[in-house]
Amino acid sequence: MYYNNRDVRIQELPKPEISSGEILLKVKASGICGSDVLEWYRLKRAPLVLGHEAAGEICAVGAGVEKYKAGDRVFVSHHVPCNTCRYCLAGNHTACETLHTTNYFPGGFSEYIRVPAVNVQRGIILLPAEISFVTATFIEPLACVARGQRIAGFKKGDSVIILGAGVSGLLHLLLAKANGADKIIITDINESRLKLAQDLGADAIVNATEDVVEALRKANLGRLADLVVVCTSALPAFLQANQCVDRAGTILNFACTQPGVDVPIPVTDFWRKGVKIIHSYGAGPADLIEATELLRQKKVVPDKLISHRLKLSQAGLGFQLVSQARDCLKVILEP
């Protein structure tokens, strides 16, 4: 039960009861996302059970559920779109009101969750044998990354600079590399994360406190980047993004600033150079399927991103590790 980043309590709740069309999931693994520790985003709804990267085993199905059975290994999407509104029909599933209002109960950081009928119908993926429960916790974050790169127009041969080497930044690195990026440069202020990024195949690593633009030009044959991906909420990263994008390039704001923090945009300069600025939130159904396939085929292998595997009783420690962002990357709770 989340109260704030420093107050996460283990509380007993009744095992959820399911109704027609629903399933009861026994959670085997659930990852702590960086968004789980954004207090400006979470405190207004606290106390609550968080967790939206859950994978587990179905232990009961309600009347009318025919596609799934007890014993099935599954990933369950917490937010699902309606697939019928003007946004969904245009391919903008993450703008759908249904997607923003659906969820499972009580949350992924629990021994059992009740999956509502709408999520059962539109948000369950049967796990292939090649994907473990722990690996399945990356389906949702990788799907978000896949969507971001897709709508940014990333293509083979592009040069990419990723600002921020947290879990999202490293997933962007792995996916861009798998999809044939020409050069990948990544920045951070944490040297251990930069070292890992280098081990994962980054062509250059740069401490974000240094001259990032000069380092980018040096690593990219004197050019700026075709795609700049902002994976940190730090304002300096958004300012660096404006300086790192090449003509006809794209800035992908994968992260957002703190509320009320505005980012100045050199509109005239970008107008003349044809620079695009886009944002990406969440993932749609096709993105989740793509991410599952990327993991199944091992085109993206996220194992080295896992820094901690904790028991549910250690959830408080997990939240502290993620919120402090020092000596950890992906923290996974295994109820």
Foldseek 3Di string as FASTA:
>chain_A
DDQALQDDDDDDDPQDDEEALKFKFFWFKFWDDLVNHPCVPPNVPPPAAETFLTWGFTQCHYPPDDPDDGGFTKTFGFFAAPCPDPCNVVVNRVVHPRRVPGGWPRYRLDRMIMGDNVRSVTTIDGADPLADRHNSSCLFLLLLLVVLCVVQVDAAAFEEEEEDLFPSSLSNLLVSVLRHYPAYEYEEQAVVSQVVSVVSPHQYYDYPVDDPQVRQCVSPVNFAGQEYEYDDQDLVSLVVQLVRHGQLHEYEDADHHDPPDDHDHPVVVCVVRVYYYYYTDTHHRVSSVVSSVCVSVVSDDCVVQADEEEESNCVSVVSNCSNVVHRHHMYMYGD
